[in-house]
PDB file of N, CA and C in Angstrom:
ATOM      1  N   MET A   1     124.658 190.284 144.538  1.00  0.00           N
ATOM      2  CA  MET A   1     125.479 189.124 144.297  1.00  0.00           C
ATOM      3  C   MET A   1     124.621 187.977 143.808  1.00  0.00           C
ATOM      4  N   PRO A   2     124.903 187.356 142.711  1.00  0.00           N
ATOM      5  CA  PRO A   2     124.058 186.257 142.139  1.00  0.00           C
ATOM      6  C   PRO A   2     124.204 185.015 142.994  1.00  0.00           C
ATOM      7  N   PRO A   3     123.170 184.132 143.026  1.00  0.00           N
ATOM      8  CA  PRO A   3     123.277 182.941 143.788  1.00  0.00           C
ATOM      9  C   PRO A   3     124.365 182.023 143.220  1.00  0.00           C
ATOM     10  N   PRO A   4     124.822 181.088 144.059  1.00  0.00           N
ATOM     11  CA  PRO A   4     125.899 180.199 143.559  1.00  0.00           C
ATOM     12  C   PRO A   4     125.390 179.271 142.485  1.00  0.00           C
ATOM     13  N   PRO A   5     126.333 178.732 141.632  1.00  0.00           N
ATOM     14  CA  PRO A   5     125.922 177.778 140.632  1.00  0.00           C
ATOM     15  C   PRO A   5     125.261 176.537 141.212  1.00  0.00           C
ATOM     16  N   VAL A   6     124.460 175.871 140.465  1.00  0.00           N
ATOM     17  CA  VAL A   6     123.839 174.599 140.855  1.00  0.00           C
ATOM     18  C   VAL A   6     124.774 173.515 140.437  1.00  0.00           C
ATOM     19  N   GLY A   7     125.244 172.725 141.466  1.00  0.00           N
ATOM     20  CA  GLY A   7     126.145 171.601 141.168  1.00  0.00           C
ATOM     21  C   GLY A   7     127.426 172.159 140.471  1.00  0.00           C
ATOM     22  N   ASP A   8     127.783 171.487 139.415  1.00  0.00           N
ATOM     23  CA  ASP A   8     129.067 171.918 138.678  1.00  0.00           C
ATOM     24  C   ASP A   8     128.701 172.808 137.504  1.00  0.00           C
ATOM     25  N   LEU A   9     127.412 173.072 137.285  1.00  0.00           N
ATOM     26  CA  LEU A   9     127.079 173.928 136.178  1.00  0.00           C
ATOM     27  C   LEU A   9     127.223 175.416 136.455  1.00  0.00           C
ATOM     28  N   PRO A  10     127.753 176.137 135.534  1.00  0.00           N
ATOM     29  CA  PRO A  10     127.888 177.595 135.805  1.00  0.00           C
ATOM     30  C   PRO A  10     126.482 178.236 135.746  1.00  0.00           C
ATOM     31  N   LEU A  11     126.398 179.383 136.437  1.00  0.00           N
ATOM     32  CA  LEU A  11     125.143 180.120 136.419  1.00  0.00           C
ATOM     33  C   LEU A  11     124.962 180.807 135.062  1.00  0.00           C
ATOM     34  N   ASN A  12     123.844 180.600 134.460  1.00  0.00           N
ATOM     35  CA  ASN A  12     123.671 181.136 133.073  1.00  0.00           C
ATOM     36  C   ASN A  12     122.535 182.236 133.081  1.00  0.00           C
ATOM     37  N   ASP A  13     121.870 182.426 134.173  1.00  0.00           N
ATOM     38  CA  ASP A  13     120.801 183.405 134.310  1.00  0.00           C
ATOM     39  C   ASP A  13     121.368 184.693 134.822  1.00  0.00           C
ATOM     40  N   VAL A  14     121.404 185.684 133.899  1.00  0.00           N
ATOM     41  CA  VAL A  14     122.034 186.979 134.337  1.00  0.00           C
ATOM     42  C   VAL A  14     120.904 188.037 134.464  1.00  0.00           C
ATOM     43  N   THR A  15     119.675 187.615 134.618  1.00  0.00           N
ATOM     44  CA  THR A  15     118.601 188.551 134.715  1.00  0.00           C
ATOM     45  C   THR A  15     118.487 188.990 136.182  1.00  0.00           C
ATOM     46  N   GLU A  16     117.458 189.779 136.443  1.00  0.00           N
ATOM     47  CA  GLU A  16     117.168 190.293 137.802  1.00  0.00           C
ATOM     48  C   GLU A  16     116.160 189.379 138.568  1.00  0.00           C
ATOM     49  N   ARG A  17     115.883 188.232 138.037  1.00  0.00           N
ATOM     50  CA  ARG A  17     114.814 187.330 138.528  1.00  0.00           C
ATOM     51  C   ARG A  17     115.082 186.999 140.013  1.00  0.00           C
ATOM     52  N   GLU A  18     116.280 186.595 140.361  1.00  0.00           N
ATOM     53  CA  GLU A  18     116.554 186.151 141.775  1.00  0.00           C
ATOM     54  C   GLU A  18     116.301 187.280 142.781  1.00  0.00           C
ATOM     55  N   ARG A  19     116.417 188.509 142.350  1.00  0.00           N
ATOM     56  CA  ARG A  19     116.142 189.657 143.226  1.00  0.00           C
ATOM     57  C   ARG A  19     114.661 189.988 143.318  1.00  0.00           C
ATOM     58  N   MET A  20     113.903 189.572 142.273  1.00  0.00           N
ATOM     59  CA  MET A  20     112.542 189.954 142.196  1.00  0.00           C
ATOM     60  C   MET A  20     111.524 188.924 142.802  1.00  0.00           C
ATOM     61  N   TRP A  21     111.837 187.640 142.577  1.00  0.00           N
ATOM     62  CA  TRP A  21     110.980 186.541 142.947  1.00  0.00           C
ATOM     63  C   TRP A  21     111.601 185.534 143.849  1.00  0.00           C
ATOM     64  N   ARG A  22     110.740 184.725 144.464  1.00  0.00           N
ATOM     65  CA  ARG A  22     111.202 183.599 145.217  1.00  0.00           C
ATOM     66  C   ARG A  22     110.997 182.306 144.352  1.00  0.00           C
ATOM     67  N   ARG A  23     111.973 181.536 144.206  1.00  0.00           N
ATOM     68  CA  ARG A  23     111.805 180.239 143.413  1.00  0.00           C
ATOM     69  C   ARG A  23     111.557 179.111 144.418  1.00  0.00           C
ATOM     70  N   TRP A  24     110.377 178.470 144.176  1.00  0.00           N
ATOM     71  CA  TRP A  24     110.065 177.353 145.051  1.00  0.00           C
ATOM     72  C   TRP A  24     110.739 176.074 144.609  1.00  0.00           C
ATOM     73  N   PRO A  25     111.222 175.285 145.536  1.00  0.00           N
ATOM     74  CA  PRO A  25     111.884 174.048 145.157  1.00  0.00           C
ATOM     75  C   PRO A  25     110.894 172.978 144.741  1.00  0.00           C
ATOM     76  N   GLY A  26     111.310 172.085 143.931  1.00  0.00           N
ATOM     77  CA  GLY A  26     110.480 170.987 143.502  1.00  0.00           C
ATOM     78  C   GLY A  26     110.923 170.457 142.130  1.00  0.00           C
ATOM     79  N   ASP A  27     110.225 169.483 141.717  1.00  0.00           N
ATOM     80  CA  ASP A  27     110.503 168.825 140.424  1.00  0.00           C
ATOM     81  C   ASP A  27     109.817 169.608 139.256  1.00  0.00           C
ATOM     82  N   ASP A  28     110.741 170.305 138.570  1.00  0.00           N
ATOM     83  CA  ASP A  28     110.271 171.131 137.474  1.00  0.00           C
ATOM     84  C   ASP A  28     109.475 170.394 136.399  1.00  0.00           C
ATOM     85  N   TRP A  29     109.957 169.182 136.035  1.00  0.00           N
ATOM     86  CA  TRP A  29     109.280 168.421 135.013  1.00  0.00           C
ATOM     87  C   TRP A  29     107.951 167.911 135.436  1.00  0.00           C
ATOM     88  N   ALA A  30     107.867 167.427 136.657  1.00  0.00           N
ATOM     89  CA  ALA A  30     106.569 166.989 137.171  1.00  0.00           C
ATOM     90  C   ALA A  30     105.591 168.137 137.259  1.00  0.00           C
ATOM     91  N   ALA A  31     106.031 169.278 137.662  1.00  0.00           N
ATOM     92  CA  ALA A  31     105.178 170.495 137.768  1.00  0.00           C
ATOM     93  C   ALA A  31     104.722 170.906 136.330  1.00  0.00           C
ATOM     94  N   PHE A  32     105.649 170.854 135.377  1.00  0.00           N
ATOM     95  CA  PHE A  32     105.234 171.178 134.054  1.00  0.00           C
ATOM     96  C   PHE A  32     104.182 170.255 133.493  1.00  0.00           C
ATOM     97  N   ASP A  33     104.361 168.946 133.752  1.00  0.00           N
ATOM     98  CA  ASP A  33     103.393 167.961 133.246  1.00  0.00           C
ATOM     99  C   ASP A  33     102.040 168.108 133.916  1.00  0.00           C
ATOM    100  N   ALA A  34     101.972 168.666 135.160  1.00  0.00           N
ATOM    101  CA  ALA A  34     100.716 168.827 135.847  1.00  0.00           C
ATOM    102  C   ALA A  34      99.939 170.060 135.398  1.00  0.00           C
ATOM    103  N   LEU A  35     100.516 170.909 134.631  1.00  0.00           N
ATOM    104  CA  LEU A  35      99.802 172.161 134.185  1.00  0.00           C
ATOM    105  C   LEU A  35      98.992 171.905 132.977  1.00  0.00           C
ATOM    106  N   PRO A  36      97.918 172.731 132.799  1.00  0.00           N
ATOM    107  CA  PRO A  36      97.101 172.562 131.535  1.00  0.00           C
ATOM    108  C   PRO A  36      97.892 172.882 130.300  1.00  0.00           C
ATOM    109  N   PRO A  37      97.522 172.327 129.150  1.00  0.00           N
ATOM    110  CA  PRO A  37      98.259 172.530 127.891  1.00  0.00           C
ATOM    111  C   PRO A  37      98.494 174.054 127.536  1.00  0.00           C
ATOM    112  N   ALA A  38      97.516 174.904 127.731  1.00  0.00           N
ATOM    113  CA  ALA A  38      97.704 176.290 127.370  1.00  0.00           C
ATOM    114  C   ALA A  38      98.792 176.962 128.234  1.00  0.00           C
ATOM    115  N   ILE A  39      98.850 176.624 129.480  1.00  0.00           N
ATOM    116  CA  ILE A  39      99.849 177.137 130.369  1.00  0.00           C
ATOM    117  C   ILE A  39     101.230 176.547 130.020  1.00  0.00           C
ATOM    118  N   ARG A  40     101.297 175.296 129.677  1.00  0.00           N
ATOM    119  CA  ARG A  40     102.562 174.688 129.251  1.00  0.00           C
ATOM    120  C   ARG A  40     103.094 175.395 127.988  1.00  0.00           C
ATOM    121  N   ARG A  41     102.167 175.684 127.039  1.00  0.00           N
ATOM    122  CA  ARG A  41     102.602 176.381 125.839  1.00  0.00           C
ATOM    123  C   ARG A  41     103.144 177.733 126.094  1.00  0.00           C
ATOM    124  N   ARG A  42     102.436 178.450 126.992  1.00  0.00           N
ATOM    125  CA  ARG A  42     102.952 179.793 127.356  1.00  0.00           C
ATOM    126  C   ARG A  42     104.281 179.802 128.042  1.00  0.00           C
ATOM    127  N   LEU A  43     104.421 178.823 128.973  1.00  0.00           N
ATOM    128  CA  LEU A  43     105.753 178.693 129.658  1.00  0.00           C
ATOM    129  C   LEU A  43     106.862 178.373 128.657  1.00  0.00           C
ATOM    130  N   HIS A  44     106.535 177.569 127.661  1.00  0.00           N
ATOM    131  CA  HIS A  44     107.521 177.193 126.627  1.00  0.00           C
ATOM    132  C   HIS A  44     108.053 178.420 125.890  1.00  0.00           C
ATOM    133  N   VAL A  45     107.214 179.396 125.652  1.00  0.00           N
ATOM    134  CA  VAL A  45     107.651 180.570 124.860  1.00  0.00           C
ATOM    135  C   VAL A  45     108.001 181.766 125.764  1.00  0.00           C
ATOM    136  N   HIS A  46     107.942 181.606 127.038  1.00  0.00           N
ATOM    137  CA  HIS A  46     108.327 182.686 127.987  1.00  0.00           C
ATOM    138  C   HIS A  46     109.795 183.106 127.655  1.00  0.00           C
ATOM    139  N   ALA A  47     110.060 184.368 127.807  1.00  0.00           N
ATOM    140  CA  ALA A  47     111.436 184.917 127.415  1.00  0.00           C
ATOM    141  C   ALA A  47     112.501 184.334 128.384  1.00  0.00           C
ATOM    142  N   TYR A  48     112.147 183.941 129.598  1.00  0.00           N
ATOM    143  CA  TYR A  48     113.081 183.412 130.576  1.00  0.00           C
ATOM    144  C   TYR A  48     112.635 182.081 131.027  1.00  0.00           C
ATOM    145  N   ASP A  49     113.426 181.422 131.875  1.00  0.00           N
ATOM    146  CA  ASP A  49     113.089 180.149 132.503  1.00  0.00           C
ATOM    147  C   ASP A  49     111.800 180.414 133.283  1.00  0.00           C
ATOM    148  N   ALA A  50     110.793 179.644 133.038  1.00  0.00           N
ATOM    149  CA  ALA A  50     109.475 179.935 133.636  1.00  0.00           C
ATOM    150  C   ALA A  50     109.265 179.520 135.024  1.00  0.00           C
ATOM    151  N   TRP A  51     110.196 178.753 135.587  1.00  0.00           N
ATOM    152  CA  TRP A  51     110.039 178.253 136.959  1.00  0.00           C
ATOM    153  C   TRP A  51     108.730 177.568 137.202  1.00  0.00           C
ATOM    154  N   THR A  52     108.628 176.370 136.648  1.00  0.00           N
ATOM    155  CA  THR A  52     107.327 175.703 136.548  1.00  0.00           C
ATOM    156  C   THR A  52     106.774 175.306 137.889  1.00  0.00           C
ATOM    157  N   VAL A  53     107.574 175.038 138.890  1.00  0.00           N
ATOM    158  CA  VAL A  53     107.069 174.815 140.257  1.00  0.00           C
ATOM    159  C   VAL A  53     106.288 176.045 140.773  1.00  0.00           C
ATOM    160  N   ASN A  54     106.774 177.229 140.547  1.00  0.00           N
ATOM    161  CA  ASN A  54     106.046 178.453 140.874  1.00  0.00           C
ATOM    162  C   ASN A  54     104.746 178.498 140.153  1.00  0.00           C
ATOM    163  N   ALA A  55     104.829 178.222 138.820  1.00  0.00           N
ATOM    164  CA  ALA A  55     103.570 178.292 138.008  1.00  0.00           C
ATOM    165  C   ALA A  55     102.507 177.310 138.467  1.00  0.00           C
ATOM    166  N   LEU A  56     102.961 176.150 138.895  1.00  0.00           N
ATOM    167  CA  LEU A  56     101.996 175.098 139.380  1.00  0.00           C
ATOM    168  C   LEU A  56     101.361 175.609 140.677  1.00  0.00           C
ATOM    169  N   LYS A  57     102.156 176.180 141.572  1.00  0.00           N
ATOM    170  CA  LYS A  57     101.635 176.700 142.850  1.00  0.00           C
ATOM    171  C   LYS A  57     100.607 177.809 142.562  1.00  0.00           C
ATOM    172  N   LEU A  58     100.931 178.710 141.601  1.00  0.00           N
ATOM    173  CA  LEU A  58      99.965 179.751 141.236  1.00  0.00           C
ATOM    174  C   LEU A  58      98.697 179.201 140.632  1.00  0.00           C
ATOM    175  N   TRP A  59      98.885 178.220 139.712  1.00  0.00           N
ATOM    176  CA  TRP A  59      97.750 177.544 139.048  1.00  0.00           C
ATOM    177  C   TRP A  59      96.759 176.961 140.142  1.00  0.00           C
ATOM    178  N   ARG A  60      97.318 176.331 141.032  1.00  0.00           N
ATOM    179  CA  ARG A  60      96.471 175.646 142.113  1.00  0.00           C
ATOM    180  C   ARG A  60      95.797 176.755 143.022  1.00  0.00           C
ATOM    181  N   CYS A  61      96.551 177.814 143.292  1.00  0.00           N
ATOM    182  CA  CYS A  61      95.935 178.906 144.103  1.00  0.00           C
ATOM    183  C   CYS A  61      94.879 179.629 143.349  1.00  0.00           C
ATOM    184  N   PHE A  62      95.062 179.984 142.083  1.00  0.00           N
ATOM    185  CA  PHE A  62      94.083 180.626 141.275  1.00  0.00           C
ATOM    186  C   PHE A  62      92.899 179.814 141.027  1.00  0.00           C
ATOM    187  N   ARG A  63      93.067 178.459 140.887  1.00  0.00           N
ATOM    188  CA  ARG A  63      91.921 177.553 140.711  1.00  0.00           C
ATOM    189  C   ARG A  63      91.069 177.500 141.949  1.00  0.00           C
ATOM    190  N   ARG A  64      91.685 177.488 143.126  1.00  0.00           N
ATOM    191  CA  ARG A  64      90.922 177.548 144.380  1.00  0.00           C
ATOM    192  C   ARG A  64      90.144 178.912 144.460  1.00  0.00           C
ATOM    193  N   GLN A  65      90.847 179.994 144.169  1.00  0.00           N
ATOM    194  CA  GLN A  65      90.208 181.288 144.297  1.00  0.00           C
ATOM    195  C   GLN A  65      89.116 181.527 143.373  1.00  0.00           C
ATOM    196  N   THR A  66      89.277 181.054 142.088  1.00  0.00           N
ATOM    197  CA  THR A  66      88.196 181.342 141.135  1.00  0.00           C
ATOM    198  C   THR A  66      87.103 180.259 141.075  1.00  0.00           C
ATOM    199  N   GLY A  67      87.437 179.086 141.520  1.00  0.00           N
ATOM    200  CA  GLY A  67      86.483 177.926 141.440  1.00  0.00           C
ATOM    201  C   GLY A  67      86.268 177.479 140.050  1.00  0.00           C
ATOM    202  N   SER A  68      87.095 177.890 139.148  1.00  0.00           N
ATOM    203  CA  SER A  68      86.953 177.486 137.702  1.00  0.00           C
ATOM    204  C   SER A  68      88.313 177.304 137.100  1.00  0.00           C
ATOM    205  N   SER A  69      88.535 176.155 136.432  1.00  0.00           N
ATOM    206  CA  SER A  69      89.797 175.940 135.833  1.00  0.00           C
ATOM    207  C   SER A  69      90.000 176.914 134.605  1.00  0.00           C
ATOM    208  N   ALA A  70      88.953 177.233 133.872  1.00  0.00           N
ATOM    209  CA  ALA A  70      89.090 178.160 132.719  1.00  0.00           C
ATOM    210  C   ALA A  70      89.463 179.543 133.138  1.00  0.00           C
ATOM    211  N   ARG A  71      88.795 179.981 134.269  1.00  0.00           N
ATOM    212  CA  ARG A  71      89.116 181.342 134.772  1.00  0.00           C
ATOM    213  C   ARG A  71      90.543 181.404 135.324  1.00  0.00           C
ATOM    214  N   ALA A  72      90.901 180.296 136.057  1.00  0.00           N
ATOM    215  CA  ALA A  72      92.234 180.276 136.654  1.00  0.00           C
ATOM    216  C   ALA A  72      93.292 180.251 135.492  1.00  0.00           C
ATOM    217  N   GLU A  73      93.034 179.549 134.467  1.00  0.00           N
ATOM    218  CA  GLU A  73      93.899 179.484 133.336  1.00  0.00           C
ATOM    219  C   GLU A  73      94.121 180.856 132.744  1.00  0.00           C
ATOM    220  N   ARG A  74      93.015 181.545 132.453  1.00  0.00           N
ATOM    221  CA  ARG A  74      93.149 182.929 131.870  1.00  0.00           C
ATOM    222  C   ARG A  74      93.882 183.865 132.822  1.00  0.00           C
ATOM    223  N   ARG A  75      93.567 183.775 134.119  1.00  0.00           N
ATOM    224  CA  ARG A  75      94.222 184.593 135.098  1.00  0.00           C
ATOM    225  C   ARG A  75      95.752 184.318 135.120  1.00  0.00           C
ATOM    226  N   LEU A  76      96.123 183.066 135.110  1.00  0.00           N
ATOM    227  CA  LEU A  76      97.564 182.710 135.152  1.00  0.00           C
ATOM    228  C   LEU A  76      98.225 183.164 133.891  1.00  0.00           C
ATOM    229  N   LEU A  77      97.630 183.012 132.746  1.00  0.00           N
ATOM    230  CA  LEU A  77      98.228 183.469 131.491  1.00  0.00           C
ATOM    231  C   LEU A  77      98.500 184.968 131.526  1.00  0.00           C
ATOM    232  N   ARG A  78      97.528 185.745 132.029  1.00  0.00           N
ATOM    233  CA  ARG A  78      97.703 187.195 132.169  1.00  0.00           C
ATOM    234  C   ARG A  78      98.871 187.499 133.124  1.00  0.00           C
ATOM    235  N   TYR A  79      98.865 186.760 134.229  1.00  0.00           N
ATOM    236  CA  TYR A  79      99.939 186.988 135.247  1.00  0.00           C
ATOM    237  C   TYR A  79     101.291 186.679 134.727  1.00  0.00           C
ATOM    238  N   LEU A  80     101.402 185.647 133.982  1.00  0.00           N
ATOM    239  CA  LEU A  80     102.744 185.272 133.368  1.00  0.00           C
ATOM    240  C   LEU A  80     103.180 186.359 132.392  1.00  0.00           C
ATOM    241  N   ASP A  81     102.231 186.869 131.661  1.00  0.00           N
ATOM    242  CA  ASP A  81     102.615 187.992 130.690  1.00  0.00           C
ATOM    243  C   ASP A  81     103.093 189.213 131.515  1.00  0.00           C
ATOM    244  N   GLU A  82     102.410 189.542 132.628  1.00  0.00           N
ATOM    245  CA  GLU A  82     102.767 190.679 133.484  1.00  0.00           C
ATOM    246  C   GLU A  82     104.140 190.447 134.033  1.00  0.00           C
ATOM    247  N   CYS A  83     104.388 189.239 134.588  1.00  0.00           N
ATOM    248  CA  CYS A  83     105.725 188.914 135.185  1.00  0.00           C
ATOM    249  C   CYS A  83     106.786 189.074 134.146  1.00  0.00           C
ATOM    250  N   GLU A  84     106.564 188.520 132.929  1.00  0.00           N
ATOM    251  CA  GLU A  84     107.574 188.566 131.933  1.00  0.00           C
ATOM    252  C   GLU A  84     107.903 190.066 131.600  1.00  0.00           C
ATOM    253  N   ALA A  85     106.878 190.898 131.477  1.00  0.00           N
ATOM    254  CA  ALA A  85     107.124 192.325 131.238  1.00  0.00           C
ATOM    255  C   ALA A  85     107.946 192.953 132.341  1.00  0.00           C
ATOM    256  N   LEU A  86     107.601 192.669 133.563  1.00  0.00           N
ATOM    257  CA  LEU A  86     108.336 193.182 134.719  1.00  0.00           C
ATOM    258  C   LEU A  86     109.770 192.700 134.711  1.00  0.00           C
ATOM    259  N   GLU A  87     109.998 191.462 134.339  1.00  0.00           N
ATOM    260  CA  GLU A  87     111.366 190.929 134.319  1.00  0.00           C
ATOM    261  C   GLU A  87     112.180 191.653 133.242  1.00  0.00           C
ATOM    262  N   ARG A  88     111.552 191.838 132.027  1.00  0.00           N
ATOM    263  CA  ARG A  88     112.211 192.465 130.961  1.00  0.00           C
ATOM    264  C   ARG A  88     112.572 193.907 131.319  1.00  0.00           C
ATOM    265  N   GLU A  89     111.626 194.584 131.962  1.00  0.00           N
ATOM    266  CA  GLU A  89     111.895 196.002 132.408  1.00  0.00           C
ATOM    267  C   GLU A  89     113.048 196.065 133.330  1.00  0.00           C
ATOM    268  N   ALA A  90     113.128 195.107 134.313  1.00  0.00           N
ATOM    269  CA  ALA A  90     114.155 195.119 135.328  1.00  0.00           C
ATOM    270  C   ALA A  90     115.543 194.795 134.685  1.00  0.00           C
ATOM    271  N   PHE A  91     115.495 193.879 133.689  1.00  0.00           N
ATOM    272  CA  PHE A  91     116.752 193.517 133.069  1.00  0.00           C
ATOM    273  C   PHE A  91     117.205 194.708 132.238  1.00  0.00           C
ATOM    274  N   ALA A  92     116.333 195.366 131.561  1.00  0.00           N
ATOM    275  CA  ALA A  92     116.648 196.539 130.722  1.00  0.00           C
ATOM    276  C   ALA A  92     117.243 197.684 131.664  1.00  0.00           C
ATOM    277  N   ALA A  93     116.663 197.865 132.798  1.00  0.00           N
ATOM    278  CA  ALA A  93     117.133 198.874 133.702  1.00  0.00           C
ATOM    279  C   ALA A  93     118.494 198.544 134.222  1.00  0.00           C
ATOM    280  N   ALA A  94     118.700 197.303 134.628  1.00  0.00           N
ATOM    281  CA  ALA A  94     120.042 196.872 135.106  1.00  0.00           C
ATOM    282  C   ALA A  94     121.081 196.998 133.976  1.00  0.00           C
ATOM    283  N   TYR A  95     120.726 196.677 132.773  1.00  0.00           N
ATOM    284  CA  TYR A  95     121.616 196.747 131.644  1.00  0.00           C
ATOM    285  C   TYR A  95     121.979 198.233 131.400  1.00  0.00           C
ATOM    286  N   ALA A  96     121.000 199.101 131.539  1.00  0.00           N
ATOM    287  CA  ALA A  96     121.258 200.526 131.314  1.00  0.00           C
ATOM    288  C   ALA A  96     122.177 201.082 132.389  1.00  0.00           C
ATOM    289  N   ARG A  97     121.976 200.619 133.700  1.00  0.00           N
ATOM    290  CA  ARG A  97     122.824 201.046 134.738  1.00  0.00           C
ATOM    291  C   ARG A  97     124.262 200.561 134.506  1.00  0.00           C
ATOM    292  N   ALA A  98     124.453 199.321 134.074  1.00  0.00           N
ATOM    293  CA  ALA A  98     125.771 198.753 133.855  1.00  0.00           C
ATOM    294  C   ALA A  98     126.461 199.295 132.660  1.00  0.00           C
ATOM    295  N   THR A  99     125.790 199.665 131.590  1.00  0.00           N
ATOM    296  CA  THR A  99     126.443 200.014 130.384  1.00  0.00           C
ATOM    297  C   THR A  99     126.246 201.440 129.979  1.00  0.00           C
ATOM    298  N   GLY A 100     125.179 202.158 130.554  1.00  0.00           N
ATOM    299  CA  GLY A 100     124.847 203.437 130.155  1.00  0.00           C
ATOM    300  C   GLY A 100     124.125 203.555 128.831  1.00  0.00           C
ATOM    301  N   CYS A 101     123.716 202.425 128.319  1.00  0.00           N
ATOM    302  CA  CYS A 101     122.979 202.365 127.033  1.00  0.00           C
ATOM    303  C   CYS A 101     121.684 201.584 127.213  1.00  0.00           C
ATOM    304  N   ALA A 102     120.797 201.824 126.283  1.00  0.00           N
ATOM    305  CA  ALA A 102     119.553 201.058 126.331  1.00  0.00           C
ATOM    306  C   ALA A 102     119.824 199.624 125.901  1.00  0.00           C
ATOM    307  N   LEU A 103     119.034 198.775 126.373  1.00  0.00           N
ATOM    308  CA  LEU A 103     119.087 197.337 125.999  1.00  0.00           C
ATOM    309  C   LEU A 103     118.966 197.328 124.448  1.00  0.00           C
ATOM    310  N   PRO A 104     119.794 196.669 123.724  1.00  0.00           N
ATOM    311  CA  PRO A 104     119.717 196.709 122.229  1.00  0.00           C
ATOM    312  C   PRO A 104     118.351 196.316 121.682  1.00  0.00           C
ATOM    313  N   HIS A 105     117.732 195.265 122.281  1.00  0.00           N
ATOM    314  CA  HIS A 105     116.392 194.898 121.791  1.00  0.00           C
ATOM    315  C   HIS A 105     115.366 196.051 121.940  1.00  0.00           C
ATOM    316  N   ASP A 106     115.482 196.788 123.050  1.00  0.00           N
ATOM    317  CA  ASP A 106     114.564 197.875 123.321  1.00  0.00           C
ATOM    318  C   ASP A 106     114.882 199.052 122.404  1.00  0.00           C
ATOM    319  N   ALA A 107     116.236 199.327 122.201  1.00  0.00           N
ATOM    320  CA  ALA A 107     116.594 200.430 121.303  1.00  0.00           C
ATOM    321  C   ALA A 107     116.140 200.163 119.876  1.00  0.00           C
ATOM    322  N   ALA A 108     116.131 198.880 119.505  1.00  0.00           N
ATOM    323  CA  ALA A 108     115.728 198.546 118.135  1.00  0.00           C
ATOM    324  C   ALA A 108     114.231 198.377 118.050  1.00  0.00           C
ATOM    325  N   ARG A 109     113.566 198.480 119.214  1.00  0.00           N
ATOM    326  CA  ARG A 109     112.101 198.233 119.216  1.00  0.00           C
ATOM    327  C   ARG A 109     111.714 196.862 118.736  1.00  0.00           C
ATOM    328  N   ALA A 110     112.512 195.903 119.008  1.00  0.00           N
ATOM    329  CA  ALA A 110     112.265 194.508 118.650  1.00  0.00           C
ATOM    330  C   ALA A 110     111.365 193.835 119.619  1.00  0.00           C
ATOM    331  N   SER A 111     110.552 192.952 119.103  1.00  0.00           N
ATOM    332  CA  SER A 111     109.668 192.200 119.977  1.00  0.00           C
ATOM    333  C   SER A 111     110.417 190.983 120.514  1.00  0.00           C
ATOM    334  N   VAL A 112     109.809 190.362 121.538  1.00  0.00           N
ATOM    335  CA  VAL A 112     110.408 189.078 122.059  1.00  0.00           C
ATOM    336  C   VAL A 112     110.236 188.029 120.965  1.00  0.00           C
ATOM    337  N   LEU A 113     111.367 187.347 120.723  1.00  0.00           N
ATOM    338  CA  LEU A 113     111.278 186.278 119.736  1.00  0.00           C
ATOM    339  C   LEU A 113     110.718 185.100 120.408  1.00  0.00           C
ATOM    340  N   ARG A 114     109.686 184.486 119.750  1.00  0.00           N
ATOM    341  CA  ARG A 114     108.909 183.424 120.331  1.00  0.00           C
ATOM    342  C   ARG A 114     109.036 182.230 119.374  1.00  0.00           C
ATOM    343  N   ASP A 115     109.062 181.052 119.938  1.00  0.00           N
ATOM    344  CA  ASP A 115     109.114 179.784 119.184  1.00  0.00           C
ATOM    345  C   ASP A 115     107.663 179.456 118.809  1.00  0.00           C
ATOM    346  N   GLY A 116     107.348 179.379 117.604  1.00  0.00           N
ATOM    347  CA  GLY A 116     106.001 178.911 117.154  1.00  0.00           C
ATOM    348  C   GLY A 116     105.106 180.069 117.012  1.00  0.00           C
TER     349      GLY A 116
END
């Protein structure tokens, strides 16, 4: 069962994300602004809503673990790519269960459309 809509807005996210991840509360715009430019660019072209508060928490954690902003940045970029792939696989599997067909983008072997 999907989560309830936020305020009066209808729920527009039909992916499997809510079942896969925990979304941390916070100010998405402030979190986005606090991230390095390369991470912000990657989140901008992510196939789904990137949940910037989660990304900021990960950025801070990786920076503490690696002791280097550059290494933390590379690690977070790789992690975001892995998460996006997992989300796309989960969505494709749910689509196949619901329709009995492959996700059209996968059936056509299309790549993720990216801005820029």
